[in-house]
Amino acid sequence: MSFFRKKSNSKIHSNSISTSQMMKTSSTNELKTNLQENIQIIKDSLGKSSDIIIREIRIGKEETIKAGIIYTDGLTDTDSLQNFILETLMLDIKGTELQKKVSPEQNLISVLKDFAMTVGEIKELTNFEELFSGLLSGDTILLIDGYAQGLIISNRQWVERGVTESTAQMVVRGPREGFSENLRVNTALVRRKIKDPNLWMESKVIGKRTKTNVSMMYINGIVNDKTVKEVRLRLDKIDIDGILESGNIEELIQDAPLSPFPTVFNTERPDIVAAALLEGRIAILVDGTPFVLIVPALFTQFFQSSEDYYQRADIASLIRLLRFFAFTIALLAPAFFIAITTFHHVMLPPALLISLAAQREGVPFPAFVEAIIMEVTFEILREAGVRMPRNIGSAMSIVGAFVIGTAAVEAGIISAAMVIVVSITAISSFVSPTYDLAISVRMLRFGFMALAASFGLVGITIGLIALLLHLCSLRSFGVPYMSPVAPFNLPDQEDTFIRLPRWKMFTRPSLINQQNIVRQQDSASAKPEPPKNKEYEGV
């Protein structure tokens, strides 16, 4: 709206503004009683687009009733249009039968809706805004001459990608299904896992131009009501012309837009969404994308994988500790190497120090410049591998890294030790189960390298203190980002750095969920034990 106000003062764009204002006016006006006038407004508003099909027919026994069928080619199921709408209107309905059902209190539109149409969902419309919204979503519009109302007949169908395996979050053990670009398919995948009437869903339409359907799912009785109100408030505040992906929603509702750490979790796995809902979180599903947003999102959540809960607790705990260790390596390994080789030589064993000095004898650059060259080179190779065709992308990135690293060492530009450090750092960054946290590490790594090159281990210490202060200051929809570590909550440690067995996890995260905290009853029968029966003795 502000765009139109600003441009209205300019005479240069007066023609475009008048067209936009005309379209806006026509879309908010009520329907006309004259069918031809309604069709003309539709043609003018949509620019006589070739994919908008307008079919004028006559219905009734004497074929005296004029009607119009409008639908969007490519978004509408033409088979159901032919078999259940056109055939019903033109062949099955007789004028005398309609007249018997028409009364002063019930018009022809209501008769068609209640007695004639054999389609699942039908809604009445009275204005052009509802008409355009349904038409451009794939519904069929029925208008009848002499009535200032019509019908929106739901028969959407378009070519779409089916339910396939998730490509961004792979698991060895667990469900293989992933979300698709269809909102209704995604909500059905979640309801398949949680068959609870308390699983509520609120739908909104966001985007003045795209009119994107956005759904908010949560379990009533488990979710924190204050969080639901906050999410609903932030979604209602969005005033933008288009939403094309869930990332657009994430940028508009996140708590700390300038922080390198994500405060909104995203996934394309239905089992992760179901588990989050059972903990009291809220899922935001956006039509047209397979990635679902989950809030609140905590720092420790980005180290948890759905596979952790499908394996034994000891294996899952070991792998999770490995992820934290890999996170530390990916963040600090180059910085530590620069600090030690530049300022703190005495910390190295003499044999290792002599070896490193021999390697760096012919290298013309300091360690910091070496690390920058290698890190930037690897980032370029990583992006090239992602953007290149899938058949040759992975092979090209691996061969490119090997050839460039070997050639740089032989040419005396980079030391062999630096190639090893950068390679270990790069591999460690891929251990994270979420891509967003890996991006944060990639950005912060350069800052720690600069601090190490300037102040050594003192600079790294200062950087770590600043990083921890920043993490503790973050919040995600009212929940401290570092919980349950800071503030420390002992009961929630059962699923933080390690995961306790299922029979020991009695409660949900207390800071996320303020009600219905008990997940399972703490009883003696929770722990699995072999049957204590004499018949089994000696077996």
Protein backbone atom coordinates (compact mmCIF):
# COMPACT_ATOMS: atom_id res chain seq x y z
CA MET A 1 0.00 0.00 0.00
CA SER A 2 2.82 2.42 0.78
CA PHE A 3 4.23 1.68 -2.65
CA PHE A 4 1.09 3.01 -4.31
CA ARG A 5 1.01 6.10 -2.07
CA LYS A 6 4.58 7.01 -2.93
CA LYS A 7 4.11 6.52 -6.64
CA SER A 8 0.80 8.40 -6.78
CA ASN A 9 2.65 11.71 -6.49
CA SER A 10 4.61 11.01 -9.66
CA LYS A 11 3.10 11.75 -13.06
CA ILE A 12 5.56 9.44 -14.80
CA HIS A 13 3.93 6.29 -13.43
CA SER A 14 0.35 7.48 -13.55
CA ASN A 15 -0.69 4.89 -16.10
CA SER A 16 0.65 1.94 -14.09
CA ILE A 17 -0.97 3.28 -10.92
CA SER A 18 -4.34 3.70 -12.51
CA THR A 19 -4.19 0.09 -13.70
CA SER A 20 -3.20 -1.16 -10.24
CA GLN A 21 -5.89 0.91 -8.56
CA MET A 22 -8.45 -0.35 -11.05
CA MET A 23 -7.44 -3.92 -10.33
CA LYS A 24 -7.61 -3.32 -6.59
CA THR A 25 -11.02 -1.64 -6.88
CA SER A 26 -12.41 -4.39 -9.05
CA SER A 27 -11.11 -7.10 -6.72
CA THR A 28 -12.86 -5.61 -3.68
CA ASN A 29 -16.18 -4.77 -5.38
CA GLU A 30 -19.18 -6.99 -5.03
CA LEU A 31 -20.21 -9.27 -7.87
CA LYS A 32 -22.66 -7.88 -10.42
CA THR A 33 -25.95 -9.44 -11.33
CA ASN A 34 -25.09 -9.30 -15.03
CA LEU A 35 -22.97 -12.28 -16.13
CA GLN A 36 -21.31 -10.50 -19.04
CA GLU A 37 -20.28 -7.62 -16.80
CA ASN A 38 -18.69 -10.02 -14.33
CA ILE A 39 -16.80 -11.82 -17.09
CA GLN A 40 -15.56 -8.54 -18.54
CA ILE A 41 -14.23 -7.44 -15.14
CA ILE A 42 -12.42 -10.78 -14.80
CA LYS A 43 -10.83 -10.39 -18.25
CA ASP A 44 -9.74 -6.82 -17.58
CA SER A 45 -8.32 -7.61 -14.14
CA LEU A 46 -6.34 -10.64 -15.32
CA GLY A 47 -5.09 -9.03 -18.51
CA LYS A 48 -6.88 -11.55 -20.75
CA SER A 49 -4.37 -14.22 -19.72
CA SER A 50 -4.38 -17.25 -21.99
CA ASP A 51 -4.40 -19.78 -19.13
CA ILE A 52 -7.67 -18.40 -17.73
CA ILE A 53 -10.43 -20.40 -19.41
CA ILE A 54 -13.91 -18.87 -19.50
CA ARG A 55 -16.73 -21.09 -20.74
CA GLU A 56 -20.26 -19.70 -21.17
CA ILE A 57 -23.00 -22.32 -21.08
CA ARG A 58 -26.76 -22.58 -20.77
CA ILE A 59 -28.44 -24.79 -18.24
CA GLY A 60 -32.01 -25.84 -17.49
CA LYS A 61 -34.58 -27.79 -19.45
CA GLU A 62 -35.29 -24.94 -21.84
CA GLU A 63 -31.63 -23.82 -21.81
CA THR A 64 -32.68 -20.33 -20.76
CA ILE A 65 -30.34 -19.90 -17.79
CA LYS A 66 -26.94 -18.41 -18.67
CA ALA A 67 -23.97 -19.56 -16.63
CA GLY A 68 -20.22 -19.06 -16.75
CA ILE A 69 -17.48 -21.54 -15.85
CA ILE A 70 -14.06 -20.00 -15.13
CA TYR A 71 -10.94 -21.99 -14.24
CA THR A 72 -7.15 -21.83 -14.56
CA ASP A 73 -5.61 -24.24 -17.04
CA GLY A 74 -2.86 -26.29 -15.38
CA LEU A 75 -4.16 -25.81 -11.83
CA THR A 76 -7.60 -27.38 -12.23
CA ASP A 77 -8.57 -31.04 -12.52
CA THR A 78 -10.19 -31.05 -15.98
CA ASP A 79 -11.52 -34.61 -15.56
CA SER A 80 -13.61 -33.69 -12.52
CA LEU A 81 -14.62 -30.47 -14.27
CA GLN A 82 -15.95 -32.48 -17.20
CA ASN A 83 -17.56 -35.35 -15.29
CA PHE A 84 -18.90 -33.71 -12.14
CA ILE A 85 -19.51 -30.06 -13.05
CA LEU A 86 -20.19 -29.56 -16.76
CA GLU A 87 -22.04 -32.84 -17.17
CA THR A 88 -24.12 -32.17 -14.08
CA LEU A 89 -25.04 -28.65 -15.16
CA MET A 90 -25.67 -29.31 -18.85
CA LEU A 91 -27.11 -32.84 -18.89
CA ASP A 92 -28.26 -34.10 -15.50
CA ILE A 93 -30.14 -31.04 -14.22
CA LYS A 94 -33.62 -30.40 -15.62
CA GLY A 95 -35.26 -27.01 -15.42
CA THR A 96 -38.52 -28.34 -13.97
CA GLU A 97 -36.65 -30.15 -11.19
CA LEU A 98 -34.82 -26.95 -10.29
CA GLN A 99 -38.04 -24.93 -10.19
CA LYS A 100 -39.55 -27.38 -7.71
CA LYS A 101 -36.70 -26.81 -5.29
CA VAL A 102 -36.52 -23.03 -5.70
CA SER A 103 -38.45 -21.09 -3.07
CA PRO A 104 -38.53 -17.42 -2.05
CA GLU A 105 -36.07 -18.23 0.72
CA GLN A 106 -33.72 -20.28 -1.50
CA ASN A 107 -32.24 -19.12 -4.78
CA LEU A 108 -30.72 -21.05 -7.67
CA ILE A 109 -27.17 -20.75 -6.26
CA SER A 110 -28.21 -22.47 -3.04
CA VAL A 111 -30.08 -25.17 -4.97
CA LEU A 112 -27.01 -25.98 -7.06
CA LYS A 113 -24.82 -26.03 -3.97
CA ASP A 114 -27.11 -28.22 -1.87
CA PHE A 115 -28.67 -30.56 -4.45
CA ALA A 116 -26.73 -30.57 -7.73
CA MET A 117 -22.97 -30.36 -7.31
CA THR A 118 -21.31 -33.73 -6.60
CA VAL A 119 -17.96 -32.21 -5.58
CA GLY A 120 -16.57 -32.38 -2.07
CA GLU A 121 -16.00 -28.74 -1.10
CA ILE A 122 -18.18 -25.88 -2.36
CA LYS A 123 -18.30 -22.32 -1.04
CA GLU A 124 -20.39 -19.33 -1.98
CA LEU A 125 -18.71 -16.11 -3.08
CA THR A 126 -20.01 -12.59 -3.23
CA ASN A 127 -17.02 -10.44 -4.24
CA PHE A 128 -14.14 -10.45 -6.70
CA GLU A 129 -11.50 -10.80 -4.02
CA GLU A 130 -12.79 -14.26 -3.11
CA LEU A 131 -13.24 -15.05 -6.80
CA PHE A 132 -9.63 -14.25 -7.77
CA SER A 133 -8.25 -16.03 -4.72
CA GLY A 134 -10.09 -19.25 -5.55
CA LEU A 135 -9.58 -19.00 -9.31
CA LEU A 136 -5.81 -18.52 -9.10
CA SER A 137 -5.55 -21.32 -6.54
CA GLY A 138 -6.99 -23.87 -8.98
CA ASP A 139 -10.68 -23.85 -8.04
CA THR A 140 -13.49 -23.61 -10.55
CA ILE A 141 -15.79 -20.58 -10.42
CA LEU A 142 -19.48 -20.86 -11.33
CA LEU A 143 -21.41 -17.64 -12.07
CA ILE A 144 -25.07 -17.43 -13.06
CA ASP A 145 -26.74 -14.57 -14.86
CA GLY A 146 -29.08 -12.62 -12.62
CA TYR A 147 -27.32 -13.44 -9.35
CA ALA A 148 -24.75 -11.27 -7.58
CA GLN A 149 -23.13 -14.36 -6.09
CA GLY A 150 -21.42 -17.50 -7.31
CA LEU A 151 -19.81 -20.77 -6.26
CA ILE A 152 -16.20 -21.75 -5.65
CA ILE A 153 -15.93 -25.45 -6.52
CA SER A 154 -12.80 -27.12 -5.18
CA ASN A 155 -11.17 -29.34 -7.82
CA ARG A 156 -7.50 -28.34 -7.67
CA GLN A 157 -4.89 -30.52 -9.31
CA TRP A 158 -1.43 -29.80 -10.66
CA VAL A 159 1.77 -31.64 -11.39
CA GLU A 160 3.80 -31.99 -8.22
CA ARG A 161 6.68 -33.92 -6.72
CA GLY A 162 5.55 -36.86 -4.64
CA VAL A 163 6.67 -37.90 -1.18
CA THR A 164 10.35 -38.81 -1.53
CA GLU A 165 13.29 -39.32 0.80
CA SER A 166 14.75 -36.28 2.49
CA THR A 167 17.97 -35.14 0.81
CA ALA A 168 19.09 -32.54 3.36
CA GLN A 169 18.79 -34.67 6.52
CA MET A 170 19.83 -38.23 5.82
CA VAL A 171 19.58 -41.00 8.41
CA VAL A 172 20.78 -44.61 8.54
CA ARG A 173 17.83 -45.79 10.61
CA GLY A 174 14.46 -44.10 10.55
CA PRO A 175 11.59 -43.13 8.23
CA ARG A 176 12.56 -42.34 4.65
CA GLU A 177 9.67 -40.03 3.78
CA GLY A 178 10.12 -36.29 3.45
CA PHE A 179 7.86 -33.31 2.93
CA SER A 180 6.84 -32.17 -0.55
CA GLU A 181 5.81 -28.80 -1.97
CA ASN A 182 2.09 -29.46 -1.37
CA LEU A 183 0.81 -28.02 1.91
CA ARG A 184 -2.02 -30.54 2.29
CA VAL A 185 0.32 -33.47 1.70
CA ASN A 186 2.63 -32.12 4.39
CA THR A 187 -0.14 -31.66 6.95
CA ALA A 188 -1.36 -35.19 6.18
CA LEU A 189 2.13 -36.60 6.80
CA VAL A 190 2.13 -34.99 10.25
CA ARG A 191 -1.39 -36.18 11.08
CA ARG A 192 -0.43 -39.71 10.10
CA LYS A 193 2.06 -39.69 12.97
CA ILE A 194 -0.01 -37.81 15.56
CA LYS A 195 -3.61 -39.05 15.56
CA ASP A 196 -4.72 -36.73 18.33
CA PRO A 197 -7.77 -34.45 18.13
CA ASN A 198 -5.76 -31.89 20.10
CA LEU A 199 -3.44 -31.43 17.11
CA TRP A 200 -4.79 -28.08 15.98
CA MET A 201 -3.98 -26.20 12.81
CA GLU A 202 -4.50 -22.51 12.06
CA SER A 203 -4.29 -21.33 8.45
CA LYS A 204 -3.42 -17.90 7.14
CA VAL A 205 -2.91 -16.32 3.73
CA ILE A 206 0.26 -14.20 3.57
CA GLY A 207 1.43 -12.15 0.60
CA LYS A 208 -0.56 -9.54 -1.26
CA ARG A 209 0.44 -10.94 -4.65
CA THR A 210 1.30 -14.59 -4.04
CA LYS A 211 -1.49 -15.25 -1.49
CA THR A 212 0.56 -18.07 0.00
CA ASN A 213 -1.18 -20.47 2.36
CA VAL A 214 0.62 -20.76 5.70
CA SER A 215 -0.45 -23.18 8.44
CA MET A 216 0.53 -23.21 12.11
CA MET A 217 0.31 -26.60 13.86
CA TYR A 218 0.53 -27.32 17.58
CA ILE A 219 -0.86 -29.72 20.17
CA ASN A 220 -3.38 -28.02 22.42
CA GLY A 221 -2.77 -28.85 26.06
CA ILE A 222 0.97 -29.34 25.57
CA VAL A 223 2.06 -26.14 23.82
CA ASN A 224 2.65 -22.95 25.77
CA ASP A 225 -0.29 -20.62 25.04
CA LYS A 226 1.95 -17.55 25.25
CA THR A 227 4.17 -18.93 22.51
CA VAL A 228 1.13 -19.58 20.32
CA LYS A 229 -0.01 -15.99 20.75
CA GLU A 230 3.48 -14.69 19.96
CA VAL A 231 3.77 -16.75 16.78
CA ARG A 232 0.29 -15.73 15.71
CA LEU A 233 1.12 -12.05 16.35
CA ARG A 234 4.34 -12.19 14.33
CA LEU A 235 2.64 -13.90 11.41
CA ASP A 236 -0.19 -11.36 11.42
CA LYS A 237 2.33 -8.50 11.30
CA ILE A 238 3.83 -9.71 8.01
CA ASP A 239 2.87 -7.26 5.28
CA ILE A 240 4.71 -8.16 2.08
CA ASP A 241 3.85 -8.69 -1.56
CA GLY A 242 5.03 -12.30 -1.81
CA ILE A 243 6.12 -15.39 0.14
CA LEU A 244 7.89 -17.95 -2.04
CA GLU A 245 9.60 -20.15 0.56
CA SER A 246 9.61 -20.74 4.28
CA GLY A 247 12.91 -18.84 4.45
CA ASN A 248 10.95 -15.65 3.72
CA ILE A 249 8.78 -16.32 6.78
CA GLU A 250 11.84 -17.18 8.87
CA GLU A 251 13.52 -13.84 8.15
CA LEU A 252 10.39 -11.94 9.10
CA ILE A 253 9.66 -13.65 12.43
CA GLN A 254 13.10 -14.52 13.86
CA ASP A 255 14.24 -12.91 17.10
CA ALA A 256 17.79 -11.86 16.18
CA PRO A 257 18.07 -11.04 12.47
CA LEU A 258 21.68 -9.83 12.85
CA SER A 259 22.91 -12.89 14.73
CA PRO A 260 24.87 -15.54 12.82
CA PHE A 261 23.01 -18.24 14.76
CA PRO A 262 19.55 -19.36 13.61
CA THR A 263 16.72 -18.90 16.09
CA VAL A 264 14.22 -20.80 13.90
CA PHE A 265 14.71 -24.48 13.13
CA ASN A 266 13.80 -25.89 9.70
CA THR A 267 13.43 -29.48 8.55
CA GLU A 268 11.95 -31.53 5.73
CA ARG A 269 11.33 -34.65 7.84
CA PRO A 270 7.81 -35.33 9.22
CA ASP A 271 9.16 -37.36 12.16
CA ILE A 272 11.21 -34.38 13.40
CA VAL A 273 8.13 -32.16 13.21
CA ALA A 274 6.03 -34.74 15.08
CA ALA A 275 8.65 -35.06 17.81
CA ALA A 276 8.86 -31.27 18.13
CA LEU A 277 5.08 -30.98 18.45
CA LEU A 278 5.09 -33.61 21.21
CA GLU A 279 7.62 -31.49 23.10
CA GLY A 280 5.37 -28.43 22.96
CA ARG A 281 6.86 -26.65 19.96
CA ILE A 282 5.01 -25.05 17.05
CA ALA A 283 5.38 -26.01 13.38
CA ILE A 284 4.89 -23.48 10.58
CA LEU A 285 4.14 -25.02 7.19
CA VAL A 286 4.31 -22.94 4.01
CA ASP A 287 2.72 -23.97 0.73
CA GLY A 288 5.23 -24.47 -2.07
CA THR A 289 8.23 -25.64 -0.02
CA PRO A 290 9.22 -28.92 1.66
CA PHE A 291 10.95 -27.15 4.56
CA VAL A 292 8.88 -26.69 7.73
CA LEU A 293 9.79 -24.16 10.42
CA ILE A 294 9.85 -25.15 14.10
CA VAL A 295 9.80 -22.68 17.00
CA PRO A 296 11.11 -22.15 19.62
CA ALA A 297 14.56 -23.32 18.47
CA LEU A 298 17.38 -23.84 20.96
CA PHE A 299 21.13 -24.09 20.43
CA THR A 300 21.32 -27.72 21.56
CA GLN A 301 18.49 -28.66 19.20
CA PHE A 302 20.79 -28.14 16.20
CA PHE A 303 23.03 -30.97 17.45
CA GLN A 304 20.17 -33.45 17.72
CA SER A 305 19.23 -35.79 14.90
CA SER A 306 16.07 -37.85 14.56
CA GLU A 307 18.28 -40.92 14.34
CA ASP A 308 19.38 -40.34 17.95
CA TYR A 309 15.96 -41.53 19.12
CA TYR A 310 15.84 -44.63 16.90
CA GLN A 311 19.10 -46.13 18.22
CA ARG A 312 20.18 -47.22 21.66
CA ALA A 313 20.87 -44.45 24.13
CA ASP A 314 24.59 -45.21 24.52
CA ILE A 315 25.24 -45.07 20.77
CA ALA A 316 23.15 -41.91 20.37
CA SER A 317 24.96 -40.20 23.26
CA LEU A 318 28.39 -41.04 21.84
CA ILE A 319 27.47 -39.68 18.41
CA ARG A 320 26.00 -36.52 19.92
CA LEU A 321 29.18 -35.85 21.92
CA LEU A 322 31.10 -36.37 18.69
CA ARG A 323 29.00 -33.64 17.07
CA PHE A 324 29.87 -31.17 19.82
CA PHE A 325 33.55 -32.08 19.45
CA ALA A 326 33.36 -31.63 15.67
CA PHE A 327 31.68 -28.26 16.18
CA THR A 328 34.62 -27.15 18.32
CA ILE A 329 37.13 -28.32 15.72
CA ALA A 330 35.29 -26.63 12.85
CA LEU A 331 35.15 -23.37 14.80
CA LEU A 332 38.60 -23.19 16.43
CA ALA A 333 41.06 -25.54 14.69
CA PRO A 334 42.51 -23.02 12.18
CA ALA A 335 42.58 -20.31 14.85
CA PHE A 336 44.50 -22.51 17.29
CA PHE A 337 46.99 -23.50 14.61
CA ILE A 338 47.60 -19.86 13.68
CA ALA A 339 47.96 -18.80 17.32
CA ILE A 340 50.40 -21.58 18.22
CA THR A 341 52.59 -21.27 15.12
CA THR A 342 52.66 -17.46 15.34
CA PHE A 343 52.87 -16.64 19.07
CA HIS A 344 53.15 -19.78 21.20
CA HIS A 345 55.92 -21.95 19.76
CA VAL A 346 56.92 -23.22 23.21
CA MET A 347 53.65 -25.14 23.50
CA LEU A 348 54.72 -27.52 20.72
CA PRO A 349 57.04 -30.52 21.22
CA PRO A 350 60.51 -29.84 19.79
CA ALA A 351 60.24 -32.55 17.12
CA LEU A 352 56.89 -31.18 15.88
CA LEU A 353 58.19 -27.61 16.00
CA ILE A 354 61.22 -28.52 13.88
CA SER A 355 58.98 -30.33 11.37
CA LEU A 356 56.63 -27.34 11.05
CA ALA A 357 59.55 -24.95 10.72
CA ALA A 358 61.01 -27.07 7.93
CA GLN A 359 57.68 -27.10 6.09
CA ARG A 360 57.29 -23.33 6.34
CA GLU A 361 60.87 -22.58 5.28
CA GLY A 362 59.97 -21.75 1.70
CA VAL A 363 56.41 -20.47 2.30
CA PRO A 364 56.25 -16.72 1.57
CA PHE A 365 53.05 -16.01 3.56
CA PRO A 366 52.32 -15.97 7.29
CA ALA A 367 50.03 -18.65 8.75
CA PHE A 368 47.00 -16.35 8.78
CA VAL A 369 47.30 -15.60 5.04
CA GLU A 370 47.80 -19.30 4.35
CA ALA A 371 44.63 -20.17 6.25
CA ILE A 372 42.62 -17.47 4.48
CA ILE A 373 43.78 -18.68 1.06
CA MET A 374 42.90 -22.30 1.83
CA GLU A 375 39.57 -21.53 3.50
CA VAL A 376 38.41 -19.28 0.68
CA THR A 377 39.53 -21.84 -1.90
CA PHE A 378 37.63 -24.60 -0.14
CA GLU A 379 34.49 -22.45 0.14
CA ILE A 380 34.66 -21.79 -3.60
CA LEU A 381 35.04 -25.51 -4.32
CA ARG A 382 32.15 -26.33 -1.99
CA GLU A 383 29.82 -23.85 -3.68
CA ALA A 384 30.92 -25.02 -7.11
CA GLY A 385 30.17 -28.61 -6.14
CA VAL A 386 26.68 -27.62 -5.01
CA ARG A 387 25.83 -25.59 -8.13
CA MET A 388 27.34 -27.94 -10.70
CA PRO A 389 25.34 -30.82 -12.23
CA ARG A 390 24.77 -33.55 -9.70
CA ASN A 391 26.58 -36.23 -11.72
CA ILE A 392 29.91 -34.42 -11.70
CA GLY A 393 29.55 -32.00 -8.77
CA SER A 394 30.85 -34.24 -5.99
CA ALA A 395 33.65 -35.72 -8.10
CA MET A 396 34.71 -32.27 -9.29
CA SER A 397 34.88 -30.84 -5.75
CA ILE A 398 36.92 -33.75 -4.40
CA VAL A 399 39.33 -33.84 -7.35
CA GLY A 400 39.63 -30.05 -7.32
CA ALA A 401 40.48 -29.94 -3.61
CA PHE A 402 43.04 -32.73 -3.95
CA VAL A 403 44.71 -31.29 -7.05
CA ILE A 404 44.79 -27.71 -5.78
CA GLY A 405 46.05 -28.73 -2.31
CA THR A 406 48.81 -30.93 -3.69
CA ALA A 407 49.88 -28.35 -6.27
CA ALA A 408 49.93 -25.55 -3.67
CA VAL A 409 52.19 -27.58 -1.36
CA GLU A 410 54.56 -28.53 -4.17
CA ALA A 411 54.72 -24.93 -5.34
CA GLY A 412 55.68 -23.78 -1.85
CA ILE A 413 52.68 -21.48 -1.45
CA ILE A 414 51.00 -23.46 1.34
CA SER A 415 52.52 -25.72 3.99
CA ALA A 416 51.39 -29.32 4.24
CA ALA A 417 50.32 -28.88 7.87
CA MET A 418 47.93 -26.07 6.89
CA VAL A 419 46.33 -28.30 4.24
CA ILE A 420 45.75 -30.98 6.90
CA VAL A 421 44.24 -28.49 9.37
CA VAL A 422 41.90 -26.97 6.77
CA SER A 423 40.83 -30.41 5.54
CA ILE A 424 40.00 -31.64 9.06
CA THR A 425 38.11 -28.40 9.69
CA ALA A 426 36.08 -28.80 6.51
CA ILE A 427 35.20 -32.42 7.27
CA SER A 428 34.18 -31.50 10.83
CA SER A 429 31.80 -28.83 9.54
CA PHE A 430 29.81 -31.53 7.71
CA VAL A 431 29.20 -33.53 10.90
CA SER A 432 26.43 -31.15 12.01
CA PRO A 433 22.98 -32.63 11.23
CA THR A 434 21.63 -29.17 10.32
CA TYR A 435 22.94 -27.02 7.51
CA ASP A 436 22.14 -23.71 9.23
CA LEU A 437 24.54 -24.30 12.11
CA ALA A 438 27.31 -25.28 9.68
CA ILE A 439 26.87 -21.93 7.92
CA SER A 440 27.20 -20.10 11.24
CA VAL A 441 30.46 -21.92 11.98
CA ARG A 442 31.83 -21.05 8.54
CA MET A 443 31.23 -17.36 9.17
CA LEU A 444 32.58 -17.25 12.72
CA ARG A 445 35.70 -19.22 11.80
CA PHE A 446 37.19 -16.25 9.94
CA GLY A 447 36.66 -13.98 12.93
CA PHE A 448 38.49 -16.34 15.28
CA MET A 449 41.31 -16.67 12.75
CA ALA A 450 41.73 -12.88 12.73
CA LEU A 451 41.74 -12.74 16.54
CA ALA A 452 44.33 -15.54 16.71
CA ALA A 453 46.57 -13.80 14.19
CA SER A 454 46.37 -10.54 16.16
CA PHE A 455 46.48 -11.61 19.81
CA GLY A 456 47.14 -15.37 19.88
CA LEU A 457 45.37 -17.49 22.46
CA VAL A 458 44.34 -14.33 24.31
CA GLY A 459 42.36 -13.25 21.25
CA ILE A 460 40.71 -16.66 20.98
CA THR A 461 39.74 -16.48 24.67
CA ILE A 462 38.24 -13.01 24.20
CA GLY A 463 36.34 -14.24 21.15
CA LEU A 464 34.95 -17.23 23.04
CA ILE A 465 33.79 -15.03 25.92
CA ALA A 466 32.07 -12.66 23.50
CA LEU A 467 30.48 -15.61 21.67
CA LEU A 468 29.12 -17.13 24.89
CA LEU A 469 27.74 -13.77 26.01
CA HIS A 470 26.02 -13.37 22.66
CA LEU A 471 24.52 -16.88 22.80
CA CYS A 472 23.24 -16.33 26.34
CA SER A 473 21.61 -13.06 25.28
CA LEU A 474 19.59 -14.67 22.48
CA ARG A 475 16.01 -15.78 22.82
CA SER A 476 13.74 -17.75 20.56
CA PHE A 477 10.10 -16.74 21.01
CA GLY A 478 10.64 -16.00 24.68
CA VAL A 479 12.76 -19.07 25.48
CA PRO A 480 16.47 -18.59 26.35
CA TYR A 481 18.53 -19.81 23.39
CA MET A 482 21.07 -21.68 25.55
CA SER A 483 18.56 -23.45 27.75
CA PRO A 484 18.69 -25.89 29.47
CA VAL A 485 22.42 -25.13 29.89
CA ALA A 486 21.97 -21.44 30.70
CA PRO A 487 19.80 -21.11 32.69
CA PHE A 488 20.76 -24.53 33.98
CA ASN A 489 17.90 -26.98 34.38
CA LEU A 490 18.84 -30.36 35.81
CA PRO A 491 15.76 -32.38 34.70
CA ASP A 492 16.22 -31.26 31.09
CA GLN A 493 19.81 -32.57 30.97
CA GLU A 494 18.37 -35.98 30.15
CA ASP A 495 18.38 -34.99 26.46
CA THR A 496 21.04 -32.30 26.05
CA PHE A 497 24.64 -33.44 25.71
CA ILE A 498 23.71 -37.09 26.09
CA ARG A 499 20.42 -38.93 25.75
CA LEU A 500 19.14 -41.11 28.55
CA PRO A 501 17.20 -44.28 27.73
CA ARG A 502 13.55 -43.89 26.84
CA TRP A 503 12.43 -45.34 30.14
CA LYS A 504 14.33 -42.56 31.95
CA MET A 505 12.94 -39.63 29.94
CA PHE A 506 9.85 -38.80 31.97
CA THR A 507 9.33 -35.11 31.23
CA ARG A 508 9.21 -32.70 28.33
CA PRO A 509 11.52 -29.63 28.17
CA SER A 510 10.21 -27.44 30.99
CA LEU A 511 11.19 -24.05 29.55
CA ILE A 512 9.45 -24.76 26.25
CA ASN A 513 6.40 -26.37 27.80
CA GLN A 514 4.74 -24.78 30.83
CA GLN A 515 1.91 -27.27 31.10
CA ASN A 516 1.53 -31.04 30.80
CA ILE A 517 5.26 -31.58 31.40
CA VAL A 518 4.98 -35.30 32.15
CA ARG A 519 5.79 -37.41 29.09
CA GLN A 520 5.43 -40.79 30.78
CA GLN A 521 4.73 -41.88 34.31
CA ASP A 522 7.70 -42.63 36.57
CA SER A 523 6.85 -46.16 37.55
CA ALA A 524 8.78 -49.27 38.30
CA SER A 525 7.44 -50.91 35.15
CA ALA A 526 9.04 -48.27 32.90
CA LYS A 527 12.44 -49.96 32.92
CA PRO A 528 12.50 -53.07 30.70
CA GLU A 529 13.42 -56.22 32.60
CA PRO A 530 13.38 -59.91 31.73
CA PRO A 531 10.38 -61.81 33.10
CA LYS A 532 10.89 -63.15 36.60
CA ASN A 533 9.39 -66.57 36.10
CA LYS A 534 10.78 -69.90 37.17
CA GLU A 535 9.70 -71.43 33.90
CA TYR A 536 12.45 -69.43 32.13
CA GLU A 537 15.22 -70.64 34.43
CA GLY A 538 17.80 -72.73 32.62
CA VAL A 539 16.56 -71.74 29.17
